Structure formats: structure tokens, C-alpha cells
Amino acid sequence: MPARTILPYKSSILVECLAPTDAKTNNTLNNSDTESTATLKIFNAGKNGVLLADYTSTATVLRCTVLPTVAEIGDRVEVDQNNADPHVTTIADLSATSGTITLSSGIELNADTGNRAIVRLGATITMEEFGTPQVGKADWGFRAVIPADHAGLAPGLDVNLEINFVGQAGGDLDLRKTICATMSEVCE
């Protein structure tokens, strides 16, 4: 399961996350292309809700908070499913009265009460690895540039950046937690 952190978007378009500076010396980091990857997603922070009921696969009409009153037909929505793989589709219809959104395509797996439903802006951006992982140094990590014409992104729009990191580490270092903590420090 990828590590996830939500960061507020500032004015910079370069996003970097670094490896930890205080890693224990008996740990080794693995930077194999097949074992360490990172992606960046951008979400509309004002169009962020949670499911209000449990749903089984193929469900298209979902009761949720916030979205029925602020989203628009055609918005691209991401619904977290129980296995953590999101279902991404567009909103086909909304009802503020019933508190529901209707998806263009049904979810593939179950999604429970409290799972996130949020409007996603544009495509997922693949982050590039840089540097060499070395214990005790912060010169390795992932970076990406958010293009100026990224779909749905506009000056002044309140957005969340989500970095999903999948990686490996030796010893007892939980690299996912460490990378997320480091990203929070670096990107604030």
C-alpha cells in the first residue's frame, strides 16, 4: 500500500520529497526502479467529501458529504475503495436534496462509510527519482514539475497535493512513514 500525505499547494510548481536525514546507520535504502516509485495527484480541496453509507461493487449513486452541493456535473471524482485503490470517473448527476452524486461508471469494489470522495484535477504525474540513497544524507528523493496548464488548476484555487510513495527499506526503518514526515517538513 502506498504512503500518502496531503500537502497544501503553494505558489511553487516544483514538488520535491527527500529521503530522511536521521536514518539509522544499520538500515539500507533500496532505489531500484522496480521497487521505488512516487506519483503526484492534485485535488480540489473545496470539493472533498466522505461516503455516508456502505456500497458494493457496481454502485453508481453514492450518498456523501460536501460534493452534492459544491461539485459540478462533469467533475472528475476519485472514490477510495476498501482495498485503497481509487475508482476514478466523472460525475453524471448531482442531487443536493438527497445528498447524492451519480457516477458515470460504477465502483469496481466495495466502498464503506467514511471513504473519501474528492474531485481530482488532471492526470496523475509520475515523479522522477533523483540522487543516490545514502543513510544519513538527504540528497535522494523524488521530484515533479506541475505544468502551468495542468487541467483544472487555476491561480487562487485551494488544492491538495497527494504524493503516493511505494518503496522498500532494509532493517527496521518504515520508509513510507519517514518519507511522508520528510515531505511534510520540506513542502511546508
Foldseek 3Di string as FASTA:
>chain_A
DWFKDKDWDDPAQKAWFWFDQAFDQVKDFDDPPVFKWKKKWKFQPQFKWWFAFKDFWFDFKTAIPRNLVPPDFQFWKWWQAPVRDIDIFTFHDHDPPRRITGTPTTHGGMHGTGTMITGTWADMGIWDWDDDDDHNDTGTTTMDGDDPPGGPDDPPGTMIMMMTIGHDMDDPDPRNVRRNVRSRVVVD
